[in-house]
Amino acid sequence: MNETAYFALGCFWGADRRFWQTDGVIETSVGYMGGVKENPSYELVCTGTTRHAETVKVIFDPALVSYRKLLEMFWTIHDPTQGNRQGNDIGSQYRSAVFYTSESQQAEAILTKDIYEKEILAQGFDSITTEIIPATDHVYFEAEDYHQKYLKKNPNGYDCHARTGVLFPVTV
C-alpha cells in the first residue's frame, strides 16, 4: 500500500525533481500547504499573506523506499536552519516544514530532526527551524499546471536549493 508524504523545503521545482528521481517514489506534485486561504494562486502565495509553504506531495511505496529515507534526503537537500528562506529565495512560502500524515511519520520526523540537528550544530550551523505539523490540519492545494514537473519541461530552469553540505549521519 502506497503512502503519502508532504515536504516544504524552499522552491518546489528543485525539490520536486529530487523526489521524483528517487527509487520507490511513485508520483509527485507541487502545491501549497500550511496557509489560511482556500485555493491560493502562486502570485498570492508569493505575497506572504496566505502563509502557505511551497510543498511537494510525495506518493511512495514503503516496500521500496522508507519514509525514514525520504526524511534523511529532505534534511540534506535544503538548509533547514534558514527560517523563511532558502538561499536567495526569501519569504514564508520558502520555509521548511514536514506535514506528517500519521503518528509514525511524526515520530520519524522528530527523531531524524534531532539526529540531524545534533550533527549540524556540531559543525557550526544554527538550530533547525523546520516545522513538524500534522497534515490533517492543513489542506494541500495543487499548484498551477505550469509548476508541475517544471524542471522536466525546463531542464535548465531555476533550481535554488541552499544546503548545509552536512550528510545525514549513519545510525545503527
Protein backbone atom coordinates (compact mmCIF):
# COMPACT_ATOMS: atom_id res chain seq x y z
CA MET A 1 0.00 0.00 0.00
CA ASN A 2 1.44 3.36 -1.03
CA GLU A 3 1.88 6.19 1.45
CA THR A 4 1.83 9.98 1.10
CA ALA A 5 4.32 12.48 2.49
CA TYR A 6 4.38 16.27 2.30
CA PHE A 7 7.62 18.25 2.42
CA ALA A 8 8.21 22.01 2.20
CA LEU A 9 11.84 22.91 1.59
CA GLY A 10 12.10 26.07 -0.43
CA CYS A 11 11.37 26.40 -4.12
CA PHE A 12 9.28 23.39 -5.03
CA TRP A 13 10.68 22.96 -8.55
CA GLY A 14 14.07 21.58 -7.49
CA ALA A 15 12.64 19.68 -4.54
CA ASP A 16 10.09 18.02 -6.81
CA ARG A 17 12.83 16.83 -9.17
CA ARG A 18 14.88 15.34 -6.34
CA PHE A 19 11.90 13.36 -5.08
CA TRP A 20 10.60 12.20 -8.48
CA GLN A 21 14.09 10.87 -9.26
CA THR A 22 14.09 8.72 -6.10
CA ASP A 23 13.57 4.98 -6.48
CA GLY A 24 10.34 3.95 -4.78
CA VAL A 25 8.63 7.29 -5.34
CA ILE A 26 5.51 6.62 -7.40
CA GLU A 27 4.33 10.15 -8.05
CA THR A 28 4.98 13.75 -7.03
CA SER A 29 3.15 17.01 -7.41
CA VAL A 30 3.78 20.51 -6.16
CA GLY A 31 1.39 22.75 -4.30
CA TYR A 32 0.73 24.98 -1.35
CA MET A 33 0.16 23.89 2.23
CA GLY A 34 0.12 25.37 5.71
CA GLY A 35 -1.71 28.59 4.93
CA VAL A 36 -5.01 30.28 5.61
CA LYS A 37 -6.58 30.89 2.19
CA GLU A 38 -8.59 28.42 0.08
CA ASN A 39 -7.21 27.66 -3.40
CA PRO A 40 -4.39 30.21 -3.38
CA SER A 41 -2.63 31.19 -6.59
CA TYR A 42 1.15 31.30 -6.91
CA GLU A 43 1.01 35.08 -7.15
CA LEU A 44 -1.00 35.34 -3.93
CA VAL A 45 1.27 32.87 -2.10
CA CYS A 46 4.28 34.99 -3.12
CA THR A 47 2.81 37.99 -1.29
CA GLY A 48 3.29 36.15 2.01
CA THR A 49 -0.25 36.98 3.12
CA THR A 50 -1.59 33.41 2.80
CA ARG A 51 1.15 31.78 4.96
CA HIS A 52 1.34 28.82 2.55
CA ALA A 53 4.61 26.99 2.01
CA GLU A 54 5.64 25.67 -1.39
CA THR A 55 5.19 21.94 -0.80
CA VAL A 56 5.97 18.69 -2.59
CA LYS A 57 3.45 15.87 -2.27
CA VAL A 58 5.26 12.54 -2.50
CA ILE A 59 3.43 9.26 -3.04
CA PHE A 60 5.81 6.39 -2.35
CA ASP A 61 5.94 2.63 -1.97
CA PRO A 62 7.29 1.94 1.54
CA ALA A 63 8.44 -1.51 0.39
CA LEU A 64 10.87 0.26 -1.97
CA VAL A 65 11.77 3.43 -0.07
CA SER A 66 11.10 4.11 3.59
CA TYR A 67 9.69 7.32 4.98
CA ARG A 68 12.89 7.50 7.03
CA LYS A 69 14.97 7.53 3.81
CA LEU A 70 12.80 10.32 2.40
CA LEU A 71 13.30 12.30 5.61
CA GLU A 72 17.06 11.79 5.52
CA MET A 73 17.01 13.12 1.97
CA PHE A 74 14.74 16.02 2.99
CA TRP A 75 17.14 17.18 5.72
CA THR A 76 20.18 17.17 3.42
CA ILE A 77 18.81 18.66 0.18
CA HIS A 78 17.99 22.03 1.73
CA ASP A 79 19.15 24.16 4.63
CA PRO A 80 16.64 23.58 7.44
CA THR A 81 18.20 26.35 9.58
CA GLN A 82 17.25 29.33 7.42
CA GLY A 83 13.71 30.07 8.60
CA ASN A 84 11.60 31.80 5.97
CA ARG A 85 14.10 31.43 3.17
CA GLN A 86 16.33 29.17 1.13
CA GLY A 87 19.37 30.96 -0.22
CA ASN A 88 18.20 33.96 -2.24
CA ASP A 89 14.54 32.87 -2.06
CA ILE A 90 13.05 34.84 0.81
CA GLY A 91 9.54 34.66 2.23
CA SER A 92 7.29 32.41 4.27
CA GLN A 93 6.49 30.29 1.21
CA TYR A 94 10.12 29.07 1.28
CA ARG A 95 10.08 27.88 4.88
CA SER A 96 10.95 24.33 5.85
CA ALA A 97 8.15 22.04 7.06
CA VAL A 98 7.18 18.41 7.35
CA PHE A 99 3.44 17.81 7.22
CA TYR A 100 3.07 14.33 8.71
CA THR A 101 0.14 12.03 7.90
CA SER A 102 0.42 9.56 10.80
CA GLU A 103 1.83 9.20 14.29
CA SER A 104 4.66 7.05 12.92
CA GLN A 105 5.57 9.77 10.41
CA GLN A 106 5.53 12.33 13.23
CA ALA A 107 7.84 10.17 15.35
CA GLU A 108 10.27 9.63 12.44
CA ALA A 109 10.27 13.34 11.59
CA ILE A 110 11.09 14.31 15.17
CA LEU A 111 13.72 11.58 15.54
CA THR A 112 15.51 12.45 12.30
CA LYS A 113 15.34 16.18 13.09
CA ASP A 114 17.01 15.55 16.44
CA ILE A 115 19.71 13.38 14.83
CA TYR A 116 20.42 15.86 12.04
CA GLU A 117 20.29 18.90 14.30
CA LYS A 118 22.92 17.42 16.60
CA GLU A 119 25.15 16.85 13.55
CA ILE A 120 24.77 20.31 12.05
CA LEU A 121 25.14 22.10 15.38
CA ALA A 122 28.43 20.26 15.87
CA GLN A 123 29.53 21.66 12.50
CA GLY A 124 28.72 25.25 13.39
CA PHE A 125 25.24 25.73 11.96
CA ASP A 126 22.26 27.25 13.76
CA SER A 127 19.34 25.23 15.12
CA ILE A 128 16.79 23.73 12.74
CA THR A 129 13.72 25.91 12.15
CA THR A 130 11.67 23.24 10.35
CA GLU A 131 8.05 22.97 11.42
CA ILE A 132 6.74 19.44 12.05
CA ILE A 133 2.97 19.66 11.90
CA PRO A 134 0.00 17.40 11.14
CA ALA A 135 -1.13 17.32 7.51
CA THR A 136 -4.69 16.82 8.76
CA ASP A 137 -4.69 20.45 9.97
CA HIS A 138 -3.82 21.79 6.50
CA VAL A 139 -5.25 21.31 3.04
CA TYR A 140 -2.84 20.64 0.18
CA PHE A 141 -3.71 22.81 -2.81
CA GLU A 142 -2.11 21.62 -6.03
CA ALA A 143 -0.19 24.37 -7.80
CA GLU A 144 -0.90 25.59 -11.30
CA ASP A 145 -0.12 23.23 -14.22
CA TYR A 146 2.96 25.17 -15.34
CA HIS A 147 4.62 24.38 -11.96
CA GLN A 148 4.06 20.61 -12.24
CA LYS A 149 7.29 18.85 -13.28
CA TYR A 150 8.66 22.28 -14.13
CA LEU A 151 12.27 21.12 -14.39
CA LYS A 152 11.29 18.22 -16.64
CA LYS A 153 9.71 20.75 -19.03
CA ASN A 154 12.56 23.27 -18.45
CA PRO A 155 15.69 21.21 -17.68
CA ASN A 156 17.86 24.31 -17.28
CA GLY A 157 15.26 26.16 -15.21
CA TYR A 158 15.76 27.78 -11.83
CA ASP A 159 16.69 25.35 -9.07
CA CYS A 160 17.63 27.23 -5.91
CA HIS A 161 18.45 24.88 -3.10
CA ALA A 162 20.67 26.09 -0.33
CA ARG A 163 22.29 23.21 1.54
CA THR A 164 24.36 22.83 4.64
CA GLY A 165 26.60 20.28 2.93
CA VAL A 166 26.28 18.12 6.04
CA LEU A 167 25.46 14.49 5.35
CA PHE A 168 22.86 12.71 7.43
CA PRO A 169 24.84 10.66 9.96
CA VAL A 170 24.85 6.91 9.67
CA THR A 171 22.90 5.49 12.60
CA VAL A 172 22.68 1.94 13.86
